[in-house]
Structures are given as C-alpha cells and as structure tokens.
C-alpha cells in the first residue's frame, strides 16, 4: 500500500491567538493610528499617521511561526510588521526615483512559485478587483525551475522591498528590464566565500541572504565539476543555505537530500527541498533526476514535496478566491511505493475541476444509492480533455468531457485506486479521533 505525504493545516485556535498577537503588536508600532482586521484576507489594515492605509497579509508569516515559542513568535511578527511598513514607505520612494538610480540596488531572490500570489481574481474586502489591478500588483517574477521562481527586491540594508509591475511602470521600463538588471547585480558580486564541509561538500557562507541567488550566475554550479566527486549537485532548502556536492557517491546524494528535507520542514524561510544539478554545458541549473534505485526514491521525494507544498498553498488561495459555481480545486497528493514516488489528484464525473499536473488521476463515478467507483488513469491519457487555466502558477487544468465507462476501462492503471486508499485513510483517522 502506498504511503502519502499529508499537508496538515494549523489548528484554528492557533490562528485566532496569532491574530490577537499580531493586532496588539501592530497597534504598538510607532506612527500607527488604527488597526482593522480584514478576516476574509487573513490580514490587517493598518492606518498610518500620514494618512496612508496598508493591507498586510499574514498567511505566510502565520505559517512561518508555527512551532515557535511565544517569545520568538512575537519577535518574528513584530519584525515582519515593521519591515513591511518600512517597505511600503520605500516603495513610494523607489517609484519616485529613476531606474538608473535604483538598478545597482536590485537583486534577484528565489522563492516558491506561489510566493506573493493571491489568486487569478484577487479579492479586496470581499469585492473582486479588475484584472489590470491584479496584474499591476503582481510581484515581478520569472520562472527559474519547476515550482521555483526568480523575484526581484530592492535592497535597503536592513530590509528588502519586493518589486511589482507598478515599479516597472513608474521607471518606464519593462518587467524583463528589471529582472535582467537584478541578474547583472548578482553576477557582479563575483565568487562568494565558500567553506569546505565534511563529506567533500561545500557551503556558501556569504551570510547576506543571497546565497541561493548565486545559482542564477551562469556557470557557477558547473564550475564545481573539478572540485567534487561526480556531477555537481546543489540544495537550497531555505534563503540562507546552499550546499554543493557531487553525485559520485550515493551516500552524498542521500545525505544532501535528507538534509534539505529536514531544513525545509523546520525552517521559517523555505525555498525548496529538492536536489539540483548543472546542465550538460555547465551554464545553467536543472532538477536532478539521475539517481537510481533507493536513492532515486529519496531524490524524487524532495521534488514531490516541493510540488505538493506549492499546490497546497495555491489551493488555499484558490478556494478563497473562486466562486463555488466556478470550479472545484482538486487536492494534490504525493504517494510512495517500493517502486517509486508519484503524484495524484481526483476528478469526479459531473464536477468541473481544476486539476494539478500529476502522474495519475482517480476518475470517480458516483451513482445514486451506490458506493463511488474509482479507477486511476495516467494524466497523459486525459490531457487532451483538459484546458490550461490562464494566469496561475503552478499550472492547473480545467476539466472537459468526462471519459465514458468504456474509455476509462481502456485507460485504467492496474491496482487499487489512490482515491479509495485516501478515503479509507481519512475514515480511519476519523475513527481514531
């Protein structure tokens, strides 16, 4: 029977406590005149003495502080609120400057692709806003790796300001111009300080929070070919950790993969638990998929966990922004068997669904008065029935015509449906409670 990675939501009472603490902290910040909760956004509308009102979303910070002591939690929330208020001030200052004036302070940073995303039709105070307004507020980004994007910040020494399309418009340049300028800045920093670690691996020790950004420099990872045993591989589980080794020994591959997994699951500043390598020409970075046997399962779990985390984050947003009649947002899951790792989602007949891109899909048919019948099919077998949903990342597909019973039997994979196994696990969990 496959084992599944489960995404666990924080208890509702912890969210209420966090909200109380965040509001109290915000009211105590110098210059703040009023604080209002915006529950449908899980945010705070903060009024400043100069007349400005700012809506700060708390979801990411709430997720970051889970498991921290109250003292550390309050310190992190205060840091976030103060930094965001300063960043909003910096944002106006940045827009008032010329592009030539700011370009040397622009840096690229890597984050999961759902960072800063609030859905294809953003919601403000329960009201939908125009697609143009959403596009302008959208953080400047460029896809880099599967589920990992390049974002651009302006460095203000003590804090950074994430840039959006408003900045590019104010500077009379394109989004690509802003990203390219940031990539030039990181390349000019040159080779970062490195430390040789046990096991023949290296760590970047620049301590500037741009450690992962060095992987964007053409040829940087490839330059380790003569320094490590085998093909260079790298991990960047959080914003200040990059470790580089070689795939010549399976022990090194598995140790790096397990270390990335541990940091990713405990850090409050995550990027990716996956392993990466250089392309054949050594100039770029790509996902690492060259392992075999048990090591392949360890490596594939890292990529599966990243995919799962990003799709879960996206579903949380889409569930709040889509009208119930628009579509059902399918849940993404990752399973593991002795043979390998796979991703999964379900599509029920008669239910228009937004499917994530997965390895296998459970096709579920519910007849009146009968138990649901589910059979699994490869995603590729139904791809022609799906249409990409525009404007969201990671990609989802809107379902079309449901296959006939005969077609399902032709496409079906052997073995028990994943949907049935998950339903049984859910039932057992409920019984245990």
Foldseek 3Di string as FASTA:
>chain_A
DWDWDDDDDDDPVLLVVLLVLLLVLLVPDPQWDDWDQLVLQCWIFTAGNVGDTDTDRCVLLSVLCPPPDPVVSSVSSNVVVVQVVVLVVVVVVLLVDACVVQLLQKAKAKAFPCPPDQDQFHADSNDTDDNVVNQQSGFLWDDAAARMIIWMWGDPPVHIHTDGNSSCVSNVHDSVVSVVSNLVNLVVVPDADWDQDPPQKIKGDNPPLCRVVNLSAFLPQLVCCVRAQAFKKWADFFSRTIMIHHPNDLVVLLVLLVVSVVCNVNHSGGHFSAMWGAPPVSTHIYGDQPDDAPSNQSRVVRVVVSVQVSLVVVQVSCVSVDDPVPFAEWHKMWIADNVHIWIETEDEPPGWYWAQQTQKYWYWYDDPPDDIDTFIFGPVLQVVQWDWDPDDPPITTTGHHDDDPVSCVVGGDDDDDPVVVVVVVVVVVVVVD
